[in-house]
Amino acid sequence: MINKEGKRGENMSKCEECDADISVPKDAVEGEIVTCPECGASFELAKGSNGFQLKPAQSVGEDWGQ
């Protein structure tokens, strides 16, 4: 869950991988991808009961036509 406010009015959440702070812009929309500045993990914003929740982003691999 987005749980505290950071600087410049951004919401902050904790990375599920490394526990670092991830900033989520106030104008973020559902489905937007945010990235952890520490470990590089990507998360998709999903609507929750108290704002947004972070869920691991689906990574799409290359399709080599096989």
C-alpha atoms as a PDB file:
ATOM      1  CA  MET A   1       0.000   0.000   0.000  1.00  0.00           C
ATOM      2  CA  ILE A   2       1.007   3.583  -0.483  1.00  0.00           C
ATOM      3  CA  ASN A   3       1.692   4.483   3.104  1.00  0.00           C
ATOM      4  CA  LYS A   4       3.396   7.852   3.560  1.00  0.00           C
ATOM      5  CA  GLU A   5       4.053  11.104   1.763  1.00  0.00           C
ATOM      6  CA  GLY A   6       7.476  11.935   0.409  1.00  0.00           C
ATOM      7  CA  LYS A   7       8.917  15.157  -0.894  1.00  0.00           C
ATOM      8  CA  ARG A   8       7.197  17.144  -3.651  1.00  0.00           C
ATOM      9  CA  GLY A   9       3.833  15.628  -2.717  1.00  0.00           C
ATOM     10  CA  GLU A  10       4.707  12.154  -3.959  1.00  0.00           C
ATOM     11  CA  ASN A  11       3.379   9.108  -2.149  1.00  0.00           C
ATOM     12  CA  MET A  12       5.892   6.584  -0.896  1.00  0.00           C
ATOM     13  CA  SER A  13       5.708   2.824  -0.653  1.00  0.00           C
ATOM     14  CA  LYS A  14       8.171   0.058   0.229  1.00  0.00           C
ATOM     15  CA  CYS A  15       9.748  -2.233  -2.354  1.00  0.00           C
ATOM     16  CA  GLU A  16       8.710  -5.854  -1.774  1.00  0.00           C
ATOM     17  CA  GLU A  17      12.139  -7.040  -2.947  1.00  0.00           C
ATOM     18  CA  CYS A  18      14.605  -4.867  -0.986  1.00  0.00           C
ATOM     19  CA  ASP A  19      12.439  -2.707   1.345  1.00  0.00           C
ATOM     20  CA  ALA A  20      13.641   0.567  -0.224  1.00  0.00           C
ATOM     21  CA  ASP A  21      11.307   3.548  -0.585  1.00  0.00           C
ATOM     22  CA  ILE A  22       9.565   3.855  -3.972  1.00  0.00           C
ATOM     23  CA  SER A  23       8.011   7.198  -4.876  1.00  0.00           C
ATOM     24  CA  VAL A  24       4.628   7.161  -6.591  1.00  0.00           C
ATOM     25  CA  PRO A  25       3.565  10.464  -8.214  1.00  0.00           C
ATOM     26  CA  LYS A  26       0.278  11.959  -6.995  1.00  0.00           C
ATOM     27  CA  ASP A  27      -1.016  11.949 -10.590  1.00  0.00           C
ATOM     28  CA  ALA A  28      -0.243   8.240 -11.074  1.00  0.00           C
ATOM     29  CA  VAL A  29      -2.914   6.083 -12.725  1.00  0.00           C
ATOM     30  CA  GLU A  30      -3.846   2.439 -12.334  1.00  0.00           C
ATOM     31  CA  GLY A  31      -1.655   0.197 -14.476  1.00  0.00           C
ATOM     32  CA  GLU A  32       1.320   2.581 -14.407  1.00  0.00           C
ATOM     33  CA  ILE A  33       4.723   0.971 -13.819  1.00  0.00           C
ATOM     34  CA  VAL A  34       7.041   2.253 -11.085  1.00  0.00           C
ATOM     35  CA  THR A  35      10.619   1.067 -10.582  1.00  0.00           C
ATOM     36  CA  CYS A  36      12.598   0.655  -7.377  1.00  0.00           C
ATOM     37  CA  PRO A  37      15.600   2.996  -7.393  1.00  0.00           C
ATOM     38  CA  GLU A  38      17.672   0.531  -5.351  1.00  0.00           C
ATOM     39  CA  CYS A  39      17.170  -2.927  -6.910  1.00  0.00           C
ATOM     40  CA  GLY A  40      15.440  -2.049 -10.203  1.00  0.00           C
ATOM     41  CA  ALA A  41      12.355  -4.206  -9.568  1.00  0.00           C
ATOM     42  CA  SER A  42       9.275  -3.044 -11.507  1.00  0.00           C
ATOM     43  CA  PHE A  43       5.805  -2.847  -9.991  1.00  0.00           C
ATOM     44  CA  GLU A  44       2.393  -2.139 -11.476  1.00  0.00           C
ATOM     45  CA  LEU A  45       0.031   0.187  -9.622  1.00  0.00           C
ATOM     46  CA  ALA A  46      -3.286  -1.480  -8.791  1.00  0.00           C
ATOM     47  CA  LYS A  47      -6.284   0.127  -7.078  1.00  0.00           C
ATOM     48  CA  GLY A  48      -6.661  -0.931  -3.466  1.00  0.00           C
ATOM     49  CA  SER A  49      -9.115   0.002  -0.755  1.00  0.00           C
ATOM     50  CA  ASN A  50      -6.811   2.770   0.557  1.00  0.00           C
ATOM     51  CA  GLY A  51      -5.209   4.017  -2.671  1.00  0.00           C
ATOM     52  CA  PHE A  52      -2.767   2.040  -4.762  1.00  0.00           C
ATOM     53  CA  GLN A  53      -1.110  -1.305  -4.120  1.00  0.00           C
ATOM     54  CA  LEU A  54       2.134  -2.398  -5.753  1.00  0.00           C
ATOM     55  CA  LYS A  55       2.089  -5.726  -7.541  1.00  0.00           C
ATOM     56  CA  PRO A  56       5.021  -7.228  -9.430  1.00  0.00           C
ATOM     57  CA  ALA A  57       4.933  -6.088 -13.052  1.00  0.00           C
ATOM     58  CA  GLN A  58       4.585  -8.738 -15.735  1.00  0.00           C
ATOM     59  CA  SER A  59       7.680  -8.855 -17.884  1.00  0.00           C
ATOM     60  CA  VAL A  60       7.128  -9.606 -21.546  1.00  0.00           C
ATOM     61  CA  GLY A  61       9.883 -11.624 -23.153  1.00  0.00           C
ATOM     62  CA  GLU A  62      11.043 -11.369 -26.721  1.00  0.00           C
ATOM     63  CA  ASP A  63       9.070 -13.353 -29.259  1.00  0.00           C
ATOM     64  CA  TRP A  64      11.635 -14.822 -31.625  1.00  0.00           C
ATOM     65  CA  GLY A  65       8.945 -16.480 -33.768  1.00  0.00           C
ATOM     66  CA  GLN A  66       9.557 -19.923 -32.369  1.00  0.00           C
END
